[in-house]
C-alpha atoms as a PDB file:
ATOM      1  CA  UNK A   1      28.871 -14.939  18.420  1.00  0.00           C
ATOM      2  CA  UNK A   2      26.962 -17.871  20.039  1.00  0.00           C
ATOM      3  CA  UNK A   3      23.270 -18.012  19.195  1.00  0.00           C
ATOM      4  CA  UNK A   4      21.157 -16.110  21.729  1.00  0.00           C
ATOM      5  CA  UNK A   5      23.939 -13.766  22.864  1.00  0.00           C
ATOM      6  CA  UNK A   6      23.841 -10.065  22.101  1.00  0.00           C
ATOM      7  CA  UNK A   7      26.341  -7.250  22.279  1.00  0.00           C
ATOM      8  CA  UNK A   8      25.849  -4.065  24.344  1.00  0.00           C
ATOM      9  CA  UNK A   9      25.354  -2.156  21.078  1.00  0.00           C
ATOM     10  CA  UNK A  10      22.631  -4.550  19.919  1.00  0.00           C
ATOM     11  CA  UNK A  11      20.835  -4.270  23.251  1.00  0.00           C
ATOM     12  CA  UNK A  12      21.054  -0.475  23.080  1.00  0.00           C
ATOM     13  CA  UNK A  13      19.651  -0.470  19.540  1.00  0.00           C
ATOM     14  CA  UNK A  14      16.739  -2.649  20.627  1.00  0.00           C
ATOM     15  CA  UNK A  15      16.052  -0.406  23.610  1.00  0.00           C
ATOM     16  CA  UNK A  16      15.985   2.694  21.407  1.00  0.00           C
ATOM     17  CA  UNK A  17      13.657   0.888  18.978  1.00  0.00           C
ATOM     18  CA  UNK A  18      11.328   0.095  21.895  1.00  0.00           C
ATOM     19  CA  UNK A  19      11.452   3.712  23.010  1.00  0.00           C
ATOM     20  CA  UNK A  20      10.551   4.992  19.551  1.00  0.00           C
ATOM     21  CA  UNK A  21       7.954   2.439  18.462  1.00  0.00           C
ATOM     22  CA  UNK A  22       6.085   1.464  21.615  1.00  0.00           C
ATOM     23  CA  UNK A  23       2.835   3.383  21.877  1.00  0.00           C
ATOM     24  CA  UNK A  24       3.285   4.206  25.570  1.00  0.00           C
ATOM     25  CA  UNK A  25       6.505   5.939  26.612  1.00  0.00           C
ATOM     26  CA  UNK A  26       5.455   6.519  30.208  1.00  0.00           C
ATOM     27  CA  UNK A  27       7.821   3.859  31.588  1.00  0.00           C
ATOM     28  CA  UNK A  28      10.815   5.619  30.022  1.00  0.00           C
ATOM     29  CA  UNK A  29       9.506   9.071  30.912  1.00  0.00           C
ATOM     30  CA  UNK A  30       9.085   8.189  34.587  1.00  0.00           C
ATOM     31  CA  UNK A  31      12.081   5.891  35.123  1.00  0.00           C
ATOM     32  CA  UNK A  32      14.544   5.888  32.194  1.00  0.00           C
ATOM     33  CA  UNK A  33      17.203   3.967  34.132  1.00  0.00           C
ATOM     34  CA  UNK A  34      14.709   1.234  35.042  1.00  0.00           C
ATOM     35  CA  UNK A  35      13.562   1.165  31.408  1.00  0.00           C
ATOM     36  CA  UNK A  36      17.179   0.564  30.399  1.00  0.00           C
ATOM     37  CA  UNK A  37      17.734  -2.063  33.103  1.00  0.00           C
ATOM     38  CA  UNK A  38      14.635  -3.987  31.978  1.00  0.00           C
ATOM     39  CA  UNK A  39      16.317  -4.249  28.562  1.00  0.00           C
ATOM     40  CA  UNK A  40      19.590  -5.563  29.997  1.00  0.00           C
ATOM     41  CA  UNK A  41      21.565  -2.386  29.357  1.00  0.00           C
ATOM     42  CA  UNK A  42      24.716  -1.813  31.358  1.00  0.00           C
ATOM     43  CA  UNK A  43      25.214   0.871  34.029  1.00  0.00           C
ATOM     44  CA  UNK A  44      26.794   3.363  31.606  1.00  0.00           C
ATOM     45  CA  UNK A  45      23.879   3.126  29.169  1.00  0.00           C
ATOM     46  CA  UNK A  46      21.392   3.347  32.021  1.00  0.00           C
ATOM     47  CA  UNK A  47      22.992   6.572  33.228  1.00  0.00           C
ATOM     48  CA  UNK A  48      23.243   7.963  29.692  1.00  0.00           C
ATOM     49  CA  UNK A  49      19.568   7.393  28.971  1.00  0.00           C
ATOM     50  CA  UNK A  50      18.542   8.889  32.304  1.00  0.00           C
ATOM     51  CA  UNK A  51      20.792  11.940  31.912  1.00  0.00           C
ATOM     52  CA  UNK A  52      19.415  12.686  28.432  1.00  0.00           C
ATOM     53  CA  UNK A  53      15.836  11.641  29.002  1.00  0.00           C
ATOM     54  CA  UNK A  54      14.292  14.810  27.545  1.00  0.00           C
ATOM     55  CA  UNK A  55      16.474  14.654  24.438  1.00  0.00           C
ATOM     56  CA  UNK A  56      15.509  11.031  23.864  1.00  0.00           C
ATOM     57  CA  UNK A  57      11.832  11.935  24.164  1.00  0.00           C
ATOM     58  CA  UNK A  58      12.287  14.668  21.556  1.00  0.00           C
ATOM     59  CA  UNK A  59      14.032  12.119  19.327  1.00  0.00           C
ATOM     60  CA  UNK A  60      11.105   9.727  19.812  1.00  0.00           C
ATOM     61  CA  UNK A  61       8.621  12.411  18.749  1.00  0.00           C
ATOM     62  CA  UNK A  62      10.675  13.345  15.684  1.00  0.00           C
ATOM     63  CA  UNK A  63      10.982   9.754  14.460  1.00  0.00           C
ATOM     64  CA  UNK A  64       7.318   8.973  15.036  1.00  0.00           C
ATOM     65  CA  UNK A  65       6.285  12.149  13.227  1.00  0.00           C
ATOM     66  CA  UNK A  66       8.542  11.270  10.296  1.00  0.00           C
ATOM     67  CA  UNK A  67       7.008   7.781  10.068  1.00  0.00           C
ATOM     68  CA  UNK A  68       3.446   9.107  10.347  1.00  0.00           C
ATOM     69  CA  UNK A  69       3.807  11.783   7.645  1.00  0.00           C
ATOM     70  CA  UNK A  70       3.833   9.313   4.714  1.00  0.00           C
ATOM     71  CA  UNK A  71       0.625   7.826   6.136  1.00  0.00           C
ATOM     72  CA  UNK A  72      -1.142  11.187   6.178  1.00  0.00           C
ATOM     73  CA  UNK A  73       0.087  11.936   2.660  1.00  0.00           C
ATOM     74  CA  UNK A  74      -0.960   8.565   1.225  1.00  0.00           C
ATOM     75  CA  UNK A  75      -4.189   7.875   3.131  1.00  0.00           C
ATOM     76  CA  UNK A  76      -6.106  11.179   3.469  1.00  0.00           C
ATOM     77  CA  UNK A  77      -9.524   9.493   3.184  1.00  0.00           C
ATOM     78  CA  UNK A  78      -8.644   6.702   5.609  1.00  0.00           C
ATOM     79  CA  UNK A  79      -7.220   9.270   8.008  1.00  0.00           C
ATOM     80  CA  UNK A  80     -10.390  11.378   7.818  1.00  0.00           C
ATOM     81  CA  UNK A  81     -12.556   8.317   8.467  1.00  0.00           C
ATOM     82  CA  UNK A  82     -10.551   7.298  11.521  1.00  0.00           C
ATOM     83  CA  UNK A  83     -10.088  10.817  12.853  1.00  0.00           C
ATOM     84  CA  UNK A  84     -13.865  11.304  12.808  1.00  0.00           C
ATOM     85  CA  UNK A  85     -14.085   8.193  14.986  1.00  0.00           C
ATOM     86  CA  UNK A  86     -11.187   9.339  17.186  1.00  0.00           C
ATOM     87  CA  UNK A  87      -9.049   6.311  16.285  1.00  0.00           C
ATOM     88  CA  UNK A  88      -6.426   7.555  13.778  1.00  0.00           C
ATOM     89  CA  UNK A  89      -3.743   8.004  16.446  1.00  0.00           C
ATOM     90  CA  UNK A  90      -4.630   4.590  17.855  1.00  0.00           C
ATOM     91  CA  UNK A  91      -4.179   3.035  14.408  1.00  0.00           C
ATOM     92  CA  UNK A  92      -0.815   4.735  13.834  1.00  0.00           C
ATOM     93  CA  UNK A  93       0.385   3.744  17.307  1.00  0.00           C
ATOM     94  CA  UNK A  94      -0.629   0.115  16.755  1.00  0.00           C
ATOM     95  CA  UNK A  95       1.046   0.084  13.334  1.00  0.00           C
ATOM     96  CA  UNK A  96       4.328   1.455  14.671  1.00  0.00           C
ATOM     97  CA  UNK A  97       4.244  -0.870  17.669  1.00  0.00           C
ATOM     98  CA  UNK A  98       3.882  -3.850  15.322  1.00  0.00           C
ATOM     99  CA  UNK A  99       7.442  -3.239  14.015  1.00  0.00           C
ATOM    100  CA  UNK A 100       6.116  -3.801  10.483  1.00  0.00           C
ATOM    101  CA  UNK A 101       8.301  -1.066   9.026  1.00  0.00           C
ATOM    102  CA  UNK A 102      11.713  -2.602   8.352  1.00  0.00           C
ATOM    103  CA  UNK A 103      12.810  -0.586   5.325  1.00  0.00           C
ATOM    104  CA  UNK A 104      14.917   2.592   5.661  1.00  0.00           C
ATOM    105  CA  UNK A 105      12.963   4.270   2.846  1.00  0.00           C
ATOM    106  CA  UNK A 106       9.885   6.445   3.379  1.00  0.00           C
ATOM    107  CA  UNK A 107       8.359   5.077   0.176  1.00  0.00           C
ATOM    108  CA  UNK A 108       7.943   1.711   1.896  1.00  0.00           C
ATOM    109  CA  UNK A 109       5.989   3.025   4.899  1.00  0.00           C
ATOM    110  CA  UNK A 110       2.596   3.228   3.148  1.00  0.00           C
ATOM    111  CA  UNK A 111       2.762  -0.306   1.643  1.00  0.00           C
ATOM    112  CA  UNK A 112       3.808  -1.588   5.060  1.00  0.00           C
ATOM    113  CA  UNK A 113       0.697   0.024   6.567  1.00  0.00           C
ATOM    114  CA  UNK A 114      -1.533  -1.783   4.049  1.00  0.00           C
ATOM    115  CA  UNK A 115       0.266  -5.037   4.810  1.00  0.00           C
ATOM    116  CA  UNK A 116      -0.240  -4.472   8.525  1.00  0.00           C
ATOM    117  CA  UNK A 117      -3.965  -3.891   8.027  1.00  0.00           C
ATOM    118  CA  UNK A 118      -4.163  -7.135   6.039  1.00  0.00           C
ATOM    119  CA  UNK A 119      -2.291  -9.146   8.664  1.00  0.00           C
ATOM    120  CA  UNK A 120      -3.797  -7.614  11.808  1.00  0.00           C
ATOM    121  CA  UNK A 121      -7.306  -6.890  10.493  1.00  0.00           C
ATOM    122  CA  UNK A 122      -7.241  -3.822  12.711  1.00  0.00           C
ATOM    123  CA  UNK A 123     -10.557  -1.938  12.638  1.00  0.00           C
ATOM    124  CA  UNK A 124     -12.143  -4.163  10.012  1.00  0.00           C
ATOM    125  CA  UNK A 125     -14.893  -5.512  12.218  1.00  0.00           C
ATOM    126  CA  UNK A 126     -16.180  -1.937  12.508  1.00  0.00           C
ATOM    127  CA  UNK A 127     -15.200  -0.859   8.978  1.00  0.00           C
ATOM    128  CA  UNK A 128     -15.217  -3.942   6.701  1.00  0.00           C
ATOM    129  CA  UNK A 129     -14.051  -1.787   3.780  1.00  0.00           C
ATOM    130  CA  UNK A 130     -11.012  -0.375   5.599  1.00  0.00           C
ATOM    131  CA  UNK A 131      -8.351  -2.610   4.030  1.00  0.00           C
ATOM    132  CA  UNK A 132      -9.753  -2.144   0.530  1.00  0.00           C
ATOM    133  CA  UNK A 133      -9.946   1.638   0.971  1.00  0.00           C
ATOM    134  CA  UNK A 134      -6.353   1.849   2.189  1.00  0.00           C
ATOM    135  CA  UNK A 135      -5.177  -0.461  -0.604  1.00  0.00           C
ATOM    136  CA  UNK A 136      -6.875   1.753  -3.177  1.00  0.00           C
ATOM    137  CA  UNK A 137      -5.395   4.936  -1.698  1.00  0.00           C
ATOM    138  CA  UNK A 138      -1.883   3.444  -1.795  1.00  0.00           C
ATOM    139  CA  UNK A 139      -2.397   2.291  -5.363  1.00  0.00           C
ATOM    140  CA  UNK A 140      -1.790   5.716  -6.908  1.00  0.00           C
ATOM    141  CA  UNK A 141       1.791   5.868  -5.657  1.00  0.00           C
ATOM    142  CA  UNK A 142       2.355   2.250  -6.653  1.00  0.00           C
ATOM    143  CA  UNK A 143       1.278   2.996 -10.218  1.00  0.00           C
ATOM    144  CA  UNK A 144       3.010   6.357 -10.548  1.00  0.00           C
ATOM    145  CA  UNK A 145       6.319   5.128  -9.114  1.00  0.00           C
ATOM    146  CA  UNK A 146       6.510   2.029 -11.266  1.00  0.00           C
ATOM    147  CA  UNK A 147       9.741   2.042 -13.314  1.00  0.00           C
ATOM    148  CA  UNK A 148       9.484   3.029 -16.958  1.00  0.00           C
ATOM    149  CA  UNK A 149      10.504  -0.306 -18.426  1.00  0.00           C
ATOM    150  CA  UNK A 150      11.347  -0.500 -22.143  1.00  0.00           C
ATOM    151  CA  UNK A 151       8.532  -1.833 -24.304  1.00  0.00           C
ATOM    152  CA  UNK A 152       8.777  -5.557 -25.093  1.00  0.00           C
ATOM    153  CA  UNK A 153       9.741  -6.214 -28.715  1.00  0.00           C
ATOM    154  CA  UNK A 154       7.275  -7.316 -31.358  1.00  0.00           C
ATOM    155  CA  UNK A 155       4.168  -5.593 -30.030  1.00  0.00           C
ATOM    156  CA  UNK A 156       1.385  -5.095 -32.547  1.00  0.00           C
ATOM    157  CA  UNK A 157      -0.890  -2.084 -32.624  1.00  0.00           C
ATOM    158  CA  UNK A 158      -4.208  -3.773 -33.415  1.00  0.00           C
ATOM    159  CA  UNK A 159      -6.163  -6.393 -31.443  1.00  0.00           C
ATOM    160  CA  UNK A 160      -7.161  -9.650 -33.097  1.00  0.00           C
ATOM    161  CA  UNK A 161      -8.758 -12.953 -32.116  1.00  0.00           C
ATOM    162  CA  UNK A 162      -5.407 -14.776 -32.025  1.00  0.00           C
ATOM    163  CA  UNK A 163      -3.645 -12.093 -29.974  1.00  0.00           C
ATOM    164  CA  UNK A 164      -3.488 -11.102 -26.306  1.00  0.00           C
ATOM    165  CA  UNK A 165      -3.659  -7.584 -24.901  1.00  0.00           C
ATOM    166  CA  UNK A 166      -0.505  -6.452 -23.098  1.00  0.00           C
ATOM    167  CA  UNK A 167      -1.144  -4.123 -20.178  1.00  0.00           C
ATOM    168  CA  UNK A 168       1.314  -1.413 -19.283  1.00  0.00           C
ATOM    169  CA  UNK A 169       3.488  -2.876 -16.484  1.00  0.00           C
ATOM    170  CA  UNK A 170       2.283  -0.105 -14.159  1.00  0.00           C
ATOM    171  CA  UNK A 171      -1.416  -0.813 -14.807  1.00  0.00           C
ATOM    172  CA  UNK A 172      -3.488  -2.706 -12.247  1.00  0.00           C
ATOM    173  CA  UNK A 173      -6.651  -4.681 -13.058  1.00  0.00           C
ATOM    174  CA  UNK A 174      -8.458  -4.956  -9.721  1.00  0.00           C
ATOM    175  CA  UNK A 175     -11.753  -5.974  -8.165  1.00  0.00           C
ATOM    176  CA  UNK A 176     -13.107  -4.583  -4.881  1.00  0.00           C
ATOM    177  CA  UNK A 177     -16.260  -5.508  -2.990  1.00  0.00           C
ATOM    178  CA  UNK A 178     -16.764  -1.839  -2.096  1.00  0.00           C
ATOM    179  CA  UNK A 179     -16.871   1.152  -4.448  1.00  0.00           C
ATOM    180  CA  UNK A 180     -13.653   2.557  -2.996  1.00  0.00           C
ATOM    181  CA  UNK A 181     -13.141   4.837  -5.995  1.00  0.00           C
ATOM    182  CA  UNK A 182     -16.162   6.878  -4.905  1.00  0.00           C
ATOM    183  CA  UNK A 183     -14.893   7.595  -1.375  1.00  0.00           C
ATOM    184  CA  UNK A 184     -13.833  11.174  -0.646  1.00  0.00           C
ATOM    185  CA  UNK A 185     -12.602  13.162   2.317  1.00  0.00           C
ATOM    186  CA  UNK A 186     -16.121  14.592   2.592  1.00  0.00           C
ATOM    187  CA  UNK A 187     -17.760  11.132   2.368  1.00  0.00           C
ATOM    188  CA  UNK A 188     -15.121   8.565   3.340  1.00  0.00           C
ATOM    189  CA  UNK A 189     -17.318   5.456   3.617  1.00  0.00           C
ATOM    190  CA  UNK A 190     -17.651   3.659   0.244  1.00  0.00           C
ATOM    191  CA  UNK A 191     -20.899   1.820  -0.485  1.00  0.00           C
ATOM    192  CA  UNK A 192     -20.883  -2.006  -0.566  1.00  0.00           C
ATOM    193  CA  UNK A 193     -20.948  -2.204  -4.358  1.00  0.00           C
ATOM    194  CA  UNK A 194     -18.597  -4.485  -6.289  1.00  0.00           C
ATOM    195  CA  UNK A 195     -16.207  -2.502  -8.482  1.00  0.00           C
ATOM    196  CA  UNK A 196     -13.845  -3.591 -11.229  1.00  0.00           C
ATOM    197  CA  UNK A 197     -11.151  -1.003 -11.899  1.00  0.00           C
ATOM    198  CA  UNK A 198      -8.275  -0.531 -14.302  1.00  0.00           C
ATOM    199  CA  UNK A 199      -5.781   1.858 -12.710  1.00  0.00           C
ATOM    200  CA  UNK A 200      -3.019   3.172 -14.943  1.00  0.00           C
ATOM    201  CA  UNK A 201      -0.890   6.105 -16.051  1.00  0.00           C
ATOM    202  CA  UNK A 202      -2.032   8.071 -19.079  1.00  0.00           C
ATOM    203  CA  UNK A 203       0.496   9.145 -21.771  1.00  0.00           C
ATOM    204  CA  UNK A 204       1.226  12.299 -19.744  1.00  0.00           C
ATOM    205  CA  UNK A 205       2.021  10.245 -16.632  1.00  0.00           C
ATOM    206  CA  UNK A 206      -1.167  11.123 -14.720  1.00  0.00           C
ATOM    207  CA  UNK A 207      -2.902   8.511 -12.569  1.00  0.00           C
ATOM    208  CA  UNK A 208      -6.220   7.414 -14.063  1.00  0.00           C
ATOM    209  CA  UNK A 209      -8.982   5.015 -13.024  1.00  0.00           C
ATOM    210  CA  UNK A 210     -11.297   3.285 -15.495  1.00  0.00           C
ATOM    211  CA  UNK A 211     -14.406   1.511 -14.223  1.00  0.00           C
ATOM    212  CA  UNK A 212     -14.855  -1.843 -15.960  1.00  0.00           C
ATOM    213  CA  UNK A 213     -17.579  -4.410 -16.316  1.00  0.00           C
ATOM    214  CA  UNK A 214     -16.869  -7.856 -14.828  1.00  0.00           C
ATOM    215  CA  UNK A 215     -16.523  -9.279 -18.350  1.00  0.00           C
ATOM    216  CA  UNK A 216     -13.939  -6.701 -19.422  1.00  0.00           C
ATOM    217  CA  UNK A 217     -11.967  -7.228 -16.212  1.00  0.00           C
ATOM    218  CA  UNK A 218     -12.031 -10.994 -16.844  1.00  0.00           C
ATOM    219  CA  UNK A 219     -10.976 -10.454 -20.463  1.00  0.00           C
ATOM    220  CA  UNK A 220      -7.913  -8.482 -19.361  1.00  0.00           C
ATOM    221  CA  UNK A 221      -7.042 -10.991 -16.656  1.00  0.00           C
ATOM    222  CA  UNK A 222      -7.207 -13.972 -19.017  1.00  0.00           C
ATOM    223  CA  UNK A 223      -5.274 -12.063 -21.632  1.00  0.00           C
ATOM    224  CA  UNK A 224      -2.494 -11.448 -19.102  1.00  0.00           C
ATOM    225  CA  UNK A 225      -2.468 -15.189 -18.495  1.00  0.00           C
ATOM    226  CA  UNK A 226      -1.809 -15.736 -22.209  1.00  0.00           C
ATOM    227  CA  UNK A 227      -5.275 -16.741 -23.419  1.00  0.00           C
ATOM    228  CA  UNK A 228      -6.106 -15.425 -26.873  1.00  0.00           C
ATOM    229  CA  UNK A 229      -8.787 -12.776 -27.144  1.00  0.00           C
ATOM    230  CA  UNK A 230     -11.015 -14.779 -29.500  1.00  0.00           C
ATOM    231  CA  UNK A 231     -11.670 -17.819 -27.283  1.00  0.00           C
ATOM    232  CA  UNK A 232     -12.040 -15.588 -24.218  1.00  0.00           C
ATOM    233  CA  UNK A 233     -14.605 -13.374 -25.908  1.00  0.00           C
ATOM    234  CA  UNK A 234     -16.523 -16.463 -27.003  1.00  0.00           C
ATOM    235  CA  UNK A 235     -16.564 -17.808 -23.449  1.00  0.00           C
ATOM    236  CA  UNK A 236     -17.678 -14.474 -22.032  1.00  0.00           C
ATOM    237  CA  UNK A 237     -20.286 -13.865 -24.700  1.00  0.00           C
ATOM    238  CA  UNK A 238     -18.820 -10.499 -25.731  1.00  0.00           C
ATOM    239  CA  UNK A 239     -18.939  -9.306 -29.336  1.00  0.00           C
ATOM    240  CA  UNK A 240     -15.369  -9.116 -30.756  1.00  0.00           C
ATOM    241  CA  UNK A 241     -15.745  -5.734 -32.447  1.00  0.00           C
ATOM    242  CA  UNK A 242     -17.162  -4.188 -29.292  1.00  0.00           C
ATOM    243  CA  UNK A 243     -14.261  -5.564 -27.266  1.00  0.00           C
ATOM    244  CA  UNK A 244     -11.660  -4.556 -29.856  1.00  0.00           C
ATOM    245  CA  UNK A 245     -12.989  -0.982 -29.894  1.00  0.00           C
ATOM    246  CA  UNK A 246     -12.662  -0.866 -26.122  1.00  0.00           C
ATOM    247  CA  UNK A 247      -9.137  -2.294 -26.214  1.00  0.00           C
ATOM    248  CA  UNK A 248      -8.100   0.327 -28.762  1.00  0.00           C
ATOM    249  CA  UNK A 249      -9.407   2.966 -26.394  1.00  0.00           C
ATOM    250  CA  UNK A 250      -7.362   1.432 -23.559  1.00  0.00           C
ATOM    251  CA  UNK A 251      -4.338   1.509 -25.875  1.00  0.00           C
ATOM    252  CA  UNK A 252      -4.850   5.204 -26.646  1.00  0.00           C
ATOM    253  CA  UNK A 253      -5.216   5.949 -22.941  1.00  0.00           C
ATOM    254  CA  UNK A 254      -1.916   4.198 -22.144  1.00  0.00           C
ATOM    255  CA  UNK A 255      -3.369   1.320 -20.112  1.00  0.00           C
ATOM    256  CA  UNK A 256      -2.668  -1.204 -22.898  1.00  0.00           C
ATOM    257  CA  UNK A 257       0.691  -0.921 -24.624  1.00  0.00           C
ATOM    258  CA  UNK A 258      -0.085  -3.225 -27.551  1.00  0.00           C
ATOM    259  CA  UNK A 259      -0.915  -6.746 -28.610  1.00  0.00           C
ATOM    260  CA  UNK A 260       1.077  -9.884 -29.290  1.00  0.00           C
ATOM    261  CA  UNK A 261       0.370 -13.349 -30.679  1.00  0.00           C
ATOM    262  CA  UNK A 262      -1.062 -15.737 -28.111  1.00  0.00           C
END
């Protein structure tokens, strides 16, 4: 097919996508045939859309509800914050209208919402913590759904100066400029306090969050980059035995899966 040309089926698919994802359906509701004509649909499709207008509007509501449900499930604190301000529906409408969701899987809707917040910066002039809060809320599913990869060979149980700590592949060593881990449905606005968090699954598969010091977060980050524990601890001014005791605790909690030579 020459570049720029479309088939009747492609034009119909695009029209239905517009109907479902555009925030305002009044143009279709009032004049479905004109809505179809504006999208270069043929006479048969124009008549079909007009004749089944009410059914198409029900379909629109069903699809939008299905796409919004993963957002409510994943972002209860963000939803509460925005509902209190009367802007949750506005946010969902803007997200859907952005066409950010391209995956057929529900599991990809929540990450797409975080990506949309990052790209659009929607609401972040009013709520500068909004992106970080949503990212943190989506993190639990990201950690819990991470595949159970086989352990790499040759891991050692004990930390040492010439070894690096190996995080569980599902674990996330993160820094936020707001204390997002303290936000709740009852108090959804986190204070502007820097937080260093290690989010992981415990041995029973439950999502856990450990609050770190900046030095411990840096130690884990440099270890993941392959820098031996000894030189890192020297640079950070942390006593080796204190750090090794903490790393053993992380190992027992399931956040660290072992140690290997640097």
